Amino acid sequence: MIITVCIFLCSLFYTLLSKQAVSLLTMINYTFLLSLACTIIGGSLFVVQGGFFNGIGYSFKRFFARVSKNGAYAFELDDNLEFIQAPTYSFTYPLLVAGTLGCLITTLLSVMLY
């Protein structure tokens, strides 16, 4: 809820500072763009948090351990490379939900009003 209010206040602030005429359509457009940015950031964090890139990171770590001399020596001593754990973020879901709701609401408003 707090993120949704912040999105709305930021879009209102940007609407007042922009050189365009202040109208409901301008407000809807800026709110949609900020909500879309929140949705993209939240979705990206969701993918990273889900561990999609863990295998890629492990493969790079294994490759560079075999290619370099120091890495090859360390790999011979300790054959066990640890698997990279995905980071966790507490603001992923609120950001994703607030962005998605903002996009849906502004889309519905623009279709109904314009």
PDB file of N, CA and C in Angstrom:
ATOM      1  N   MET A   1       0.818  -1.194   0.000  1.00  0.00           N
ATOM      2  CA  MET A   1       0.000   0.000   0.000  1.00  0.00           C
ATOM      3  C   MET A   1       0.864   1.261   0.000  1.00  0.00           C
ATOM      4  N   ILE A   2       1.939   1.222   0.771  1.00  0.00           N
ATOM      5  CA  ILE A   2       2.827   2.378   0.865  1.00  0.00           C
ATOM      6  C   ILE A   2       3.499   2.634  -0.481  1.00  0.00           C
ATOM      7  N   ILE A   3       3.866   1.556  -1.172  1.00  0.00           N
ATOM      8  CA  ILE A   3       4.514   1.716  -2.472  1.00  0.00           C
ATOM      9  C   ILE A   3       3.548   2.322  -3.477  1.00  0.00           C
ATOM     10  N   THR A   4       2.297   1.922  -3.427  1.00  0.00           N
ATOM     11  CA  THR A   4       1.289   2.472  -4.341  1.00  0.00           C
ATOM     12  C   THR A   4       1.091   3.965  -4.105  1.00  0.00           C
ATOM     13  N   VAL A   5       1.055   4.361  -2.845  1.00  0.00           N
ATOM     14  CA  VAL A   5       0.916   5.787  -2.515  1.00  0.00           C
ATOM     15  C   VAL A   5       2.146   6.559  -2.976  1.00  0.00           C
ATOM     16  N   CYS A   6       3.335   5.973  -2.805  1.00  0.00           N
ATOM     17  CA  CYS A   6       4.567   6.627  -3.276  1.00  0.00           C
ATOM     18  C   CYS A   6       4.580   6.789  -4.791  1.00  0.00           C
ATOM     19  N   ILE A   7       4.106   5.758  -5.505  1.00  0.00           N
ATOM     20  CA  ILE A   7       4.020   5.851  -6.963  1.00  0.00           C
ATOM     21  C   ILE A   7       3.093   6.989  -7.359  1.00  0.00           C
ATOM     22  N   PHE A   8       1.940   7.052  -6.719  1.00  0.00           N
ATOM     23  CA  PHE A   8       0.965   8.098  -7.036  1.00  0.00           C
ATOM     24  C   PHE A   8       1.522   9.481  -6.727  1.00  0.00           C
ATOM     25  N   LEU A   9       2.171   9.647  -5.567  1.00  0.00           N
ATOM     26  CA  LEU A   9       2.725  10.956  -5.199  1.00  0.00           C
ATOM     27  C   LEU A   9       3.879  11.373  -6.119  1.00  0.00           C
ATOM     28  N   CYS A  10       4.718  10.425  -6.494  1.00  0.00           N
ATOM     29  CA  CYS A  10       5.818  10.742  -7.420  1.00  0.00           C
ATOM     30  C   CYS A  10       5.295  11.144  -8.790  1.00  0.00           C
ATOM     31  N   SER A  11       4.268  10.446  -9.257  1.00  0.00           N
ATOM     32  CA  SER A  11       3.712  10.813 -10.560  1.00  0.00           C
ATOM     33  C   SER A  11       3.009  12.161 -10.491  1.00  0.00           C
ATOM     34  N   LEU A  12       2.351  12.460  -9.378  1.00  0.00           N
ATOM     35  CA  LEU A  12       1.733  13.774  -9.202  1.00  0.00           C
ATOM     36  C   LEU A  12       2.790  14.868  -9.179  1.00  0.00           C
ATOM     37  N   PHE A  13       3.875  14.636  -8.472  1.00  0.00           N
ATOM     38  CA  PHE A  13       4.972  15.599  -8.393  1.00  0.00           C
ATOM     39  C   PHE A  13       5.601  15.817  -9.774  1.00  0.00           C
ATOM     40  N   TYR A  14       5.825  14.733 -10.504  1.00  0.00           N
ATOM     41  CA  TYR A  14       6.416  14.853 -11.832  1.00  0.00           C
ATOM     42  C   TYR A  14       5.465  15.529 -12.810  1.00  0.00           C
ATOM     43  N   THR A  15       4.175  15.286 -12.666  1.00  0.00           N
ATOM     44  CA  THR A  15       3.181  15.934 -13.521  1.00  0.00           C
ATOM     45  C   THR A  15       3.190  17.440 -13.303  1.00  0.00           C
ATOM     46  N   LEU A  16       3.293  17.856 -12.053  1.00  0.00           N
ATOM     47  CA  LEU A  16       3.314  19.293 -11.759  1.00  0.00           C
ATOM     48  C   LEU A  16       4.601  19.962 -12.229  1.00  0.00           C
ATOM     49  N   LEU A  17       5.713  19.224 -12.235  1.00  0.00           N
ATOM     50  CA  LEU A  17       6.984  19.799 -12.671  1.00  0.00           C
ATOM     51  C   LEU A  17       7.201  19.749 -14.184  1.00  0.00           C
ATOM     52  N   SER A  18       6.455  18.907 -14.871  1.00  0.00           N
ATOM     53  CA  SER A  18       6.658  18.782 -16.312  1.00  0.00           C
ATOM     54  C   SER A  18       6.102  20.002 -17.040  1.00  0.00           C
ATOM     55  N   LYS A  19       6.520  20.161 -18.272  1.00  0.00           N
ATOM     56  CA  LYS A  19       6.095  21.318 -19.061  1.00  0.00           C
ATOM     57  C   LYS A  19       4.819  21.061 -19.835  1.00  0.00           C
ATOM     58  N   GLN A  20       4.239  19.868 -19.623  1.00  0.00           N
ATOM     59  CA  GLN A  20       2.975  19.559 -20.275  1.00  0.00           C
ATOM     60  C   GLN A  20       1.827  20.129 -19.462  1.00  0.00           C
ATOM     61  N   ALA A  21       0.687  20.227 -20.099  1.00  0.00           N
ATOM     62  CA  ALA A  21      -0.501  20.707 -19.397  1.00  0.00           C
ATOM     63  C   ALA A  21      -0.923  19.678 -18.347  1.00  0.00           C
ATOM     64  N   VAL A  22      -1.288  20.169 -17.192  1.00  0.00           N
ATOM     65  CA  VAL A  22      -1.718  19.278 -16.112  1.00  0.00           C
ATOM     66  C   VAL A  22      -3.141  18.815 -16.404  1.00  0.00           C
ATOM     67  N   SER A  23      -3.272  17.521 -16.644  1.00  0.00           N
ATOM     68  CA  SER A  23      -4.591  16.946 -16.919  1.00  0.00           C
ATOM     69  C   SER A  23      -4.629  15.532 -16.342  1.00  0.00           C
ATOM     70  N   LEU A  24      -5.808  14.957 -16.348  1.00  0.00           N
ATOM     71  CA  LEU A  24      -5.964  13.604 -15.834  1.00  0.00           C
ATOM     72  C   LEU A  24      -5.223  12.597 -16.709  1.00  0.00           C
ATOM     73  N   LEU A  25      -5.206  12.824 -18.015  1.00  0.00           N
ATOM     74  CA  LEU A  25      -4.502  11.922 -18.927  1.00  0.00           C
ATOM     75  C   LEU A  25      -3.001  11.926 -18.657  1.00  0.00           C
ATOM     76  N   THR A  26      -2.426  13.110 -18.412  1.00  0.00           N
ATOM     77  CA  THR A  26      -0.999  13.195 -18.098  1.00  0.00           C
ATOM     78  C   THR A  26      -0.702  12.463 -16.792  1.00  0.00           C
ATOM     79  N   MET A  27      -1.553  12.634 -15.822  1.00  0.00           N
ATOM     80  CA  MET A  27      -1.389  11.954 -14.531  1.00  0.00           C
ATOM     81  C   MET A  27      -1.475  10.439 -14.695  1.00  0.00           C
ATOM     82  N   ILE A  28      -2.415   9.966 -15.491  1.00  0.00           N
ATOM     83  CA  ILE A  28      -2.556   8.531 -15.740  1.00  0.00           C
ATOM     84  C   ILE A  28      -1.321   7.996 -16.452  1.00  0.00           C
ATOM     85  N   ASN A  29      -0.810   8.736 -17.428  1.00  0.00           N
ATOM     86  CA  ASN A  29       0.371   8.293 -18.167  1.00  0.00           C
ATOM     87  C   ASN A  29       1.597   8.164 -17.264  1.00  0.00           C
ATOM     88  N   TYR A  30       1.846   9.165 -16.443  1.00  0.00           N
ATOM     89  CA  TYR A  30       3.015   9.110 -15.558  1.00  0.00           C
ATOM     90  C   TYR A  30       2.857   8.038 -14.485  1.00  0.00           C
ATOM     91  N   THR A  31       1.655   7.852 -13.987  1.00  0.00           N
ATOM     92  CA  THR A  31       1.421   6.791 -13.009  1.00  0.00           C
ATOM     93  C   THR A  31       1.650   5.424 -13.642  1.00  0.00           C
ATOM     94  N   PHE A  32       1.211   5.255 -14.881  1.00  0.00           N
ATOM     95  CA  PHE A  32       1.434   3.992 -15.578  1.00  0.00           C
ATOM     96  C   PHE A  32       2.922   3.728 -15.778  1.00  0.00           C
ATOM     97  N   LEU A  33       3.672   4.745 -16.184  1.00  0.00           N
ATOM     98  CA  LEU A  33       5.102   4.552 -16.413  1.00  0.00           C
ATOM     99  C   LEU A  33       5.845   4.195 -15.131  1.00  0.00           C
ATOM    100  N   LEU A  34       5.517   4.847 -14.027  1.00  0.00           N
ATOM    101  CA  LEU A  34       6.156   4.510 -12.756  1.00  0.00           C
ATOM    102  C   LEU A  34       5.739   3.126 -12.275  1.00  0.00           C
ATOM    103  N   SER A  35       4.491   2.770 -12.480  1.00  0.00           N
ATOM    104  CA  SER A  35       4.026   1.436 -12.102  1.00  0.00           C
ATOM    105  C   SER A  35       4.682   0.366 -12.960  1.00  0.00           C
ATOM    106  N   LEU A  36       4.870   0.662 -14.224  1.00  0.00           N
ATOM    107  CA  LEU A  36       5.538  -0.283 -15.114  1.00  0.00           C
ATOM    108  C   LEU A  36       6.990  -0.489 -14.698  1.00  0.00           C
ATOM    109  N   ALA A  37       7.666   0.578 -14.301  1.00  0.00           N
ATOM    110  CA  ALA A  37       9.047   0.454 -13.822  1.00  0.00           C
ATOM    111  C   ALA A  37       9.100  -0.401 -12.555  1.00  0.00           C
ATOM    112  N   CYS A  38       8.153  -0.207 -11.649  1.00  0.00           N
ATOM    113  CA  CYS A  38       8.097  -1.026 -10.431  1.00  0.00           C
ATOM    114  C   CYS A  38       7.821  -2.486 -10.761  1.00  0.00           C
ATOM    115  N   THR A  39       6.965  -2.739 -11.727  1.00  0.00           N
ATOM    116  CA  THR A  39       6.662  -4.106 -12.135  1.00  0.00           C
ATOM    117  C   THR A  39       7.889  -4.779 -12.736  1.00  0.00           C
ATOM    118  N   ILE A  40       8.628  -4.062 -13.569  1.00  0.00           N
ATOM    119  CA  ILE A  40       9.824  -4.626 -14.192  1.00  0.00           C
ATOM    120  C   ILE A  40      10.894  -4.915 -13.145  1.00  0.00           C
ATOM    121  N   ILE A  41      11.114  -3.992 -12.223  1.00  0.00           N
ATOM    122  CA  ILE A  41      12.110  -4.195 -11.172  1.00  0.00           C
ATOM    123  C   ILE A  41      11.687  -5.353 -10.267  1.00  0.00           C
ATOM    124  N   GLY A  42      10.417  -5.388  -9.875  1.00  0.00           N
ATOM    125  CA  GLY A  42       9.922  -6.481  -9.040  1.00  0.00           C
ATOM    126  C   GLY A  42       9.999  -7.830  -9.736  1.00  0.00           C
ATOM    127  N   GLY A  43       9.691  -7.864 -11.024  1.00  0.00           N
ATOM    128  CA  GLY A  43       9.798  -9.107 -11.786  1.00  0.00           C
ATOM    129  C   GLY A  43      11.229  -9.581 -11.926  1.00  0.00           C
ATOM    130  N   SER A  44      12.142  -8.645 -12.139  1.00  0.00           N
ATOM    131  CA  SER A  44      13.557  -9.003 -12.230  1.00  0.00           C
ATOM    132  C   SER A  44      14.069  -9.554 -10.901  1.00  0.00           C
ATOM    133  N   LEU A  45      13.682  -8.928  -9.809  1.00  0.00           N
ATOM    134  CA  LEU A  45      14.074  -9.426  -8.493  1.00  0.00           C
ATOM    135  C   LEU A  45      13.463 -10.793  -8.212  1.00  0.00           C
ATOM    136  N   PHE A  46      12.249 -11.014  -8.676  1.00  0.00           N
ATOM    137  CA  PHE A  46      11.596 -12.310  -8.505  1.00  0.00           C
ATOM    138  C   PHE A  46      12.358 -13.413  -9.243  1.00  0.00           C
ATOM    139  N   VAL A  47      12.811 -13.114 -10.448  1.00  0.00           N
ATOM    140  CA  VAL A  47      13.562 -14.094 -11.238  1.00  0.00           C
ATOM    141  C   VAL A  47      14.904 -14.394 -10.575  1.00  0.00           C
ATOM    142  N   VAL A  48      15.603 -13.361 -10.123  1.00  0.00           N
ATOM    143  CA  VAL A  48      16.895 -13.556  -9.470  1.00  0.00           C
ATOM    144  C   VAL A  48      16.710 -14.310  -8.158  1.00  0.00           C
ATOM    145  N   GLN A  49      15.690 -13.950  -7.409  1.00  0.00           N
ATOM    146  CA  GLN A  49      15.423 -14.590  -6.125  1.00  0.00           C
ATOM    147  C   GLN A  49      15.028 -16.051  -6.303  1.00  0.00           C
ATOM    148  N   GLY A  50      14.419 -16.374  -7.413  1.00  0.00           N
ATOM    149  CA  GLY A  50      14.017 -17.751  -7.680  1.00  0.00           C
ATOM    150  C   GLY A  50      15.171 -18.667  -8.020  1.00  0.00           C
ATOM    151  N   GLY A  51      16.356 -18.121  -8.248  1.00  0.00           N
ATOM    152  CA  GLY A  51      17.529 -18.936  -8.514  1.00  0.00           C
ATOM    153  C   GLY A  51      17.732 -19.266  -9.974  1.00  0.00           C
ATOM    154  N   PHE A  52      17.178 -18.474 -10.863  1.00  0.00           N
ATOM    155  CA  PHE A  52      17.301 -18.746 -12.295  1.00  0.00           C
ATOM    156  C   PHE A  52      18.747 -18.691 -12.761  1.00  0.00           C
ATOM    157  N   PHE A  53      19.542 -17.800 -12.178  1.00  0.00           N
ATOM    158  CA  PHE A  53      20.912 -17.605 -12.629  1.00  0.00           C
ATOM    159  C   PHE A  53      21.939 -18.361 -11.783  1.00  0.00           C
ATOM    160  N   ASN A  54      21.515 -19.194 -10.850  1.00  0.00           N
ATOM    161  CA  ASN A  54      22.449 -19.941 -10.014  1.00  0.00           C
ATOM    162  C   ASN A  54      23.313 -20.894 -10.825  1.00  0.00           C
ATOM    163  N   GLY A  55      22.703 -21.604 -11.751  1.00  0.00           N
ATOM    164  CA  GLY A  55      23.448 -22.545 -12.586  1.00  0.00           C
ATOM    165  C   GLY A  55      24.460 -21.850 -13.474  1.00  0.00           C
ATOM    166  N   ILE A  56      24.106 -20.696 -13.976  1.00  0.00           N
ATOM    167  CA  ILE A  56      25.024 -19.935 -14.828  1.00  0.00           C
ATOM    168  C   ILE A  56      26.223 -19.456 -14.011  1.00  0.00           C
ATOM    169  N   GLY A  57      25.966 -18.956 -12.807  1.00  0.00           N
ATOM    170  CA  GLY A  57      27.058 -18.514 -11.935  1.00  0.00           C
ATOM    171  C   GLY A  57      27.968 -19.665 -11.541  1.00  0.00           C
ATOM    172  N   TYR A  58      27.386 -20.812 -11.260  1.00  0.00           N
ATOM    173  CA  TYR A  58      28.176 -21.990 -10.909  1.00  0.00           C
ATOM    174  C   TYR A  58      29.041 -22.435 -12.098  1.00  0.00           C
ATOM    175  N   SER A  59      28.479 -22.398 -13.302  1.00  0.00           N
ATOM    176  CA  SER A  59      29.234 -22.801 -14.489  1.00  0.00           C
ATOM    177  C   SER A  59      30.412 -21.864 -14.746  1.00  0.00           C
ATOM    178  N   PHE A  60      30.197 -20.559 -14.593  1.00  0.00           N
ATOM    179  CA  PHE A  60      31.300 -19.615 -14.761  1.00  0.00           C
ATOM    180  C   PHE A  60      32.376 -19.835 -13.704  1.00  0.00           C
ATOM    181  N   LYS A  61      31.957 -20.071 -12.488  1.00  0.00           N
ATOM    182  CA  LYS A  61      32.913 -20.296 -11.410  1.00  0.00           C
ATOM    183  C   LYS A  61      33.741 -21.555 -11.688  1.00  0.00           C
ATOM    184  N   ARG A  62      33.101 -22.595 -12.142  1.00  0.00           N
ATOM    185  CA  ARG A  62      33.792 -23.851 -12.460  1.00  0.00           C
ATOM    186  C   ARG A  62      34.731 -23.671 -13.659  1.00  0.00           C
ATOM    187  N   PHE A  63      34.276 -22.946 -14.675  1.00  0.00           N
ATOM    188  CA  PHE A  63      35.101 -22.729 -15.864  1.00  0.00           C
ATOM    189  C   PHE A  63      36.367 -21.958 -15.517  1.00  0.00           C
ATOM    190  N   PHE A  64      36.228 -20.862 -14.782  1.00  0.00           N
ATOM    191  CA  PHE A  64      37.401 -20.057 -14.456  1.00  0.00           C
ATOM    192  C   PHE A  64      38.308 -20.749 -13.451  1.00  0.00           C
ATOM    193  N   ALA A  65      37.759 -21.670 -12.668  1.00  0.00           N
ATOM    194  CA  ALA A  65      38.601 -22.455 -11.770  1.00  0.00           C
ATOM    195  C   ALA A  65      39.467 -23.427 -12.565  1.00  0.00           C
ATOM    196  N   ARG A  66      38.988 -23.902 -13.668  1.00  0.00           N
ATOM    197  CA  ARG A  66      39.755 -24.842 -14.501  1.00  0.00           C
ATOM    198  C   ARG A  66      40.729 -24.124 -15.433  1.00  0.00           C
ATOM    199  N   VAL A  67      40.399 -22.917 -15.863  1.00  0.00           N
ATOM    200  CA  VAL A  67      41.207 -22.230 -16.860  1.00  0.00           C
ATOM    201  C   VAL A  67      42.452 -21.587 -16.257  1.00  0.00           C
ATOM    202  N   SER A  68      42.309 -20.902 -15.141  1.00  0.00           N
ATOM    203  CA  SER A  68      43.460 -20.200 -14.565  1.00  0.00           C
ATOM    204  C   SER A  68      44.325 -21.175 -13.769  1.00  0.00           C
ATOM    205  N   LYS A  69      45.608 -20.837 -13.625  1.00  0.00           N
ATOM    206  CA  LYS A  69      46.528 -21.716 -12.911  1.00  0.00           C
ATOM    207  C   LYS A  69      46.177 -21.810 -11.429  1.00  0.00           C
ATOM    208  N   ASN A  70      45.957 -20.673 -10.822  1.00  0.00           N
ATOM    209  CA  ASN A  70      45.602 -20.688  -9.399  1.00  0.00           C
ATOM    210  C   ASN A  70      44.281 -21.407  -9.182  1.00  0.00           C
ATOM    211  N   GLY A  71      43.341 -21.186 -10.067  1.00  0.00           N
ATOM    212  CA  GLY A  71      42.051 -21.844  -9.950  1.00  0.00           C
ATOM    213  C   GLY A  71      42.159 -23.340 -10.153  1.00  0.00           C
ATOM    214  N   ALA A  72      42.994 -23.766 -11.110  1.00  0.00           N
ATOM    215  CA  ALA A  72      43.179 -25.187 -11.343  1.00  0.00           C
ATOM    216  C   ALA A  72      43.853 -25.854 -10.149  1.00  0.00           C
ATOM    217  N   TYR A  73      44.824 -25.166  -9.541  1.00  0.00           N
ATOM    218  CA  TYR A  73      45.500 -25.708  -8.365  1.00  0.00           C
ATOM    219  C   TYR A  73      44.523 -25.830  -7.196  1.00  0.00           C
ATOM    220  N   ALA A  74      43.704 -24.808  -7.006  1.00  0.00           N
ATOM    221  CA  ALA A  74      42.718 -24.842  -5.929  1.00  0.00           C
ATOM    222  C   ALA A  74      41.656 -25.907  -6.202  1.00  0.00           C
ATOM    223  N   PHE A  75      41.324 -26.096  -7.472  1.00  0.00           N
ATOM    224  CA  PHE A  75      40.323 -27.107  -7.821  1.00  0.00           C
ATOM    225  C   PHE A  75      40.860 -28.515  -7.575  1.00  0.00           C
ATOM    226  N   GLU A  76      42.170 -28.716  -7.790  1.00  0.00           N
ATOM    227  CA  GLU A  76      42.770 -30.024  -7.521  1.00  0.00           C
ATOM    228  C   GLU A  76      42.772 -30.328  -6.022  1.00  0.00           C
ATOM    229  N   LEU A  77      43.039 -29.307  -5.210  1.00  0.00           N
ATOM    230  CA  LEU A  77      43.061 -29.517  -3.764  1.00  0.00           C
ATOM    231  C   LEU A  77      41.658 -29.740  -3.199  1.00  0.00           C
ATOM    232  N   ASP A  78      40.744 -28.949  -3.622  1.00  0.00           N
ATOM    233  CA  ASP A  78      39.371 -29.032  -3.118  1.00  0.00           C
ATOM    234  C   ASP A  78      38.438 -29.150  -4.318  1.00  0.00           C
ATOM    235  N   ASP A  79      38.030 -30.354  -4.633  1.00  0.00           N
ATOM    236  CA  ASP A  79      37.226 -30.605  -5.837  1.00  0.00           C
ATOM    237  C   ASP A  79      35.784 -30.129  -5.690  1.00  0.00           C
ATOM    238  N   ASN A  80      35.421 -29.656  -4.530  1.00  0.00           N
ATOM    239  CA  ASN A  80      34.042 -29.280  -4.289  1.00  0.00           C
ATOM    240  C   ASN A  80      33.869 -27.770  -4.420  1.00  0.00           C
ATOM    241  N   LEU A  81      33.262 -27.324  -5.497  1.00  0.00           N
ATOM    242  CA  LEU A  81      32.914 -25.916  -5.647  1.00  0.00           C
ATOM    243  C   LEU A  81      31.523 -25.715  -5.067  1.00  0.00           C
ATOM    244  N   GLU A  82      31.377 -24.711  -4.235  1.00  0.00           N
ATOM    245  CA  GLU A  82      30.078 -24.489  -3.616  1.00  0.00           C
ATOM    246  C   GLU A  82      29.104 -23.882  -4.619  1.00  0.00           C
ATOM    247  N   PHE A  83      27.856 -24.278  -4.491  1.00  0.00           N
ATOM    248  CA  PHE A  83      26.805 -23.773  -5.361  1.00  0.00           C
ATOM    249  C   PHE A  83      26.378 -22.401  -4.856  1.00  0.00           C
ATOM    250  N   ILE A  84      26.223 -21.465  -5.748  1.00  0.00           N
ATOM    251  CA  ILE A  84      25.878 -20.093  -5.380  1.00  0.00           C
ATOM    252  C   ILE A  84      24.408 -20.026  -4.969  1.00  0.00           C
ATOM    253  N   GLN A  85      24.158 -19.472  -3.799  1.00  0.00           N
ATOM    254  CA  GLN A  85      22.786 -19.320  -3.318  1.00  0.00           C
ATOM    255  C   GLN A  85      22.179 -18.027  -3.837  1.00  0.00           C
ATOM    256  N   ALA A  86      20.905 -18.070  -4.143  1.00  0.00           N
ATOM    257  CA  ALA A  86      20.196 -16.883  -4.643  1.00  0.00           C
ATOM    258  C   ALA A  86      19.939 -15.923  -3.488  1.00  0.00           C
ATOM    259  N   PRO A  87      20.092 -14.628  -3.727  1.00  0.00           N
ATOM    260  CA  PRO A  87      19.789 -13.658  -2.666  1.00  0.00           C
ATOM    261  C   PRO A  87      18.284 -13.546  -2.456  1.00  0.00           C
ATOM    262  N   THR A  88      17.900 -13.134  -1.276  1.00  0.00           N
ATOM    263  CA  THR A  88      16.484 -12.921  -0.980  1.00  0.00           C
ATOM    264  C   THR A  88      16.272 -11.462  -0.621  1.00  0.00           C
ATOM    265  N   TYR A  89      15.180 -10.910  -1.109  1.00  0.00           N
ATOM    266  CA  TYR A  89      14.830  -9.515  -0.856  1.00  0.00           C
ATOM    267  C   TYR A  89      13.435  -9.467  -0.256  1.00  0.00           C
ATOM    268  N   SER A  90      13.254  -8.610   0.736  1.00  0.00           N
ATOM    269  CA  SER A  90      11.951  -8.523   1.395  1.00  0.00           C
ATOM    270  C   SER A  90      10.959  -7.649   0.637  1.00  0.00           C
ATOM    271  N   PHE A  91      11.433  -6.840  -0.287  1.00  0.00           N
ATOM    272  CA  PHE A  91      10.547  -5.899  -0.983  1.00  0.00           C
ATOM    273  C   PHE A  91      10.170  -6.354  -2.387  1.00  0.00           C
ATOM    274  N   THR A  92      10.470  -7.592  -2.743  1.00  0.00           N
ATOM    275  CA  THR A  92      10.169  -8.084  -4.090  1.00  0.00           C
ATOM    276  C   THR A  92       8.667  -8.146  -4.336  1.00  0.00           C
ATOM    277  N   TYR A  93       7.941  -8.833  -3.474  1.00  0.00           N
ATOM    278  CA  TYR A  93       6.513  -9.025  -3.695  1.00  0.00           C
ATOM    279  C   TYR A  93       5.700  -7.737  -3.551  1.00  0.00           C
ATOM    280  N   PRO A  94       5.986  -6.890  -2.543  1.00  0.00           N
ATOM    281  CA  PRO A  94       5.231  -5.627  -2.500  1.00  0.00           C
ATOM    282  C   PRO A  94       5.461  -4.756  -3.730  1.00  0.00           C
ATOM    283  N   LEU A  95       6.697  -4.739  -4.228  1.00  0.00           N
ATOM    284  CA  LEU A  95       7.008  -3.952  -5.423  1.00  0.00           C
ATOM    285  C   LEU A  95       6.289  -4.513  -6.639  1.00  0.00           C
ATOM    286  N   LEU A  96       6.285  -5.823  -6.756  1.00  0.00           N
ATOM    287  CA  LEU A  96       5.626  -6.479  -7.887  1.00  0.00           C
ATOM    288  C   LEU A  96       4.112  -6.292  -7.845  1.00  0.00           C
ATOM    289  N   VAL A  97       3.520  -6.443  -6.681  1.00  0.00           N
ATOM    290  CA  VAL A  97       2.064  -6.299  -6.547  1.00  0.00           C
ATOM    291  C   VAL A  97       1.635  -4.846  -6.763  1.00  0.00           C
ATOM    292  N   ALA A  98       2.362  -3.904  -6.161  1.00  0.00           N
ATOM    293  CA  ALA A  98       1.999  -2.489  -6.322  1.00  0.00           C
ATOM    294  C   ALA A  98       2.152  -2.046  -7.771  1.00  0.00           C
ATOM    295  N   GLY A  99       3.206  -2.471  -8.429  1.00  0.00           N
ATOM    296  CA  GLY A  99       3.402  -2.116  -9.835  1.00  0.00           C
ATOM    297  C   GLY A  99       2.339  -2.714 -10.732  1.00  0.00           C
ATOM    298  N   THR A 100       2.001  -3.978 -10.487  1.00  0.00           N
ATOM    299  CA  THR A 100       0.974  -4.632 -11.305  1.00  0.00           C
ATOM    300  C   THR A 100      -0.393  -3.986 -11.095  1.00  0.00           C
ATOM    301  N   LEU A 101      -0.738  -3.710  -9.840  1.00  0.00           N
ATOM    302  CA  LEU A 101      -2.015  -3.044  -9.576  1.00  0.00           C
ATOM    303  C   LEU A 101      -2.070  -1.653 -10.198  1.00  0.00           C
ATOM    304  N   GLY A 102      -0.969  -0.918 -10.105  1.00  0.00           N
ATOM    305  CA  GLY A 102      -0.924   0.407 -10.719  1.00  0.00           C
ATOM    306  C   GLY A 102      -1.096   0.344 -12.223  1.00  0.00           C
ATOM    307  N   CYS A 103      -0.440  -0.626 -12.855  1.00  0.00           N
ATOM    308  CA  CYS A 103      -0.590  -0.780 -14.309  1.00  0.00           C
ATOM    309  C   CYS A 103      -2.018  -1.143 -14.690  1.00  0.00           C
ATOM    310  N   LEU A 104      -2.609  -2.069 -13.951  1.00  0.00           N
ATOM    311  CA  LEU A 104      -3.982  -2.477 -14.269  1.00  0.00           C
ATOM    312  C   LEU A 104      -4.977  -1.336 -14.053  1.00  0.00           C
ATOM    313  N   ILE A 105      -4.842  -0.635 -12.948  1.00  0.00           N
ATOM    314  CA  ILE A 105      -5.778   0.452 -12.654  1.00  0.00           C
ATOM    315  C   ILE A 105      -5.662   1.583 -13.674  1.00  0.00           C
ATOM    316  N   THR A 106      -4.432   1.973 -13.998  1.00  0.00           N
ATOM    317  CA  THR A 106      -4.272   3.055 -14.974  1.00  0.00           C
ATOM    318  C   THR A 106      -4.702   2.631 -16.372  1.00  0.00           C
ATOM    319  N   THR A 107      -4.509   1.364 -16.712  1.00  0.00           N
ATOM    320  CA  THR A 107      -4.987   0.880 -18.011  1.00  0.00           C
ATOM    321  C   THR A 107      -6.507   0.930 -18.069  1.00  0.00           C
ATOM    322  N   LEU A 108      -7.151   0.462 -17.007  1.00  0.00           N
ATOM    323  CA  LEU A 108      -8.613   0.508 -16.965  1.00  0.00           C
ATOM    324  C   LEU A 108      -9.130   1.953 -16.991  1.00  0.00           C
ATOM    325  N   LEU A 109      -8.484   2.856 -16.254  1.00  0.00           N
ATOM    326  CA  LEU A 109      -8.901   4.252 -16.258  1.00  0.00           C
ATOM    327  C   LEU A 109      -8.755   4.876 -17.644  1.00  0.00           C
ATOM    328  N   SER A 110      -7.660   4.597 -18.312  1.00  0.00           N
ATOM    329  CA  SER A 110      -7.468   5.196 -19.634  1.00  0.00           C
ATOM    330  C   SER A 110      -8.451   4.640 -20.660  1.00  0.00           C
ATOM    331  N   VAL A 111      -8.802   3.363 -20.541  1.00  0.00           N
ATOM    332  CA  VAL A 111      -9.782   2.783 -21.473  1.00  0.00           C
ATOM    333  C   VAL A 111     -11.172   3.342 -21.190  1.00  0.00           C
ATOM    334  N   MET A 112     -11.532   3.479 -19.933  1.00  0.00           N
ATOM    335  CA  MET A 112     -12.880   3.938 -19.596  1.00  0.00           C
ATOM    336  C   MET A 112     -13.051   5.441 -19.843  1.00  0.00           C
ATOM    337  N   LEU A 113     -12.027   6.238 -19.573  1.00  0.00           N
ATOM    338  CA  LEU A 113     -12.172   7.686 -19.672  1.00  0.00           C
ATOM    339  C   LEU A 113     -11.796   8.241 -21.041  1.00  0.00           C
ATOM    340  N   TYR A 114     -10.898   7.588 -21.744  1.00  0.00           N
ATOM    341  CA  TYR A 114     -10.440   8.150 -23.022  1.00  0.00           C
ATOM    342  C   TYR A 114     -10.667   7.152 -24.087  1.00  0.00           C
TER     343      TYR A 114
END
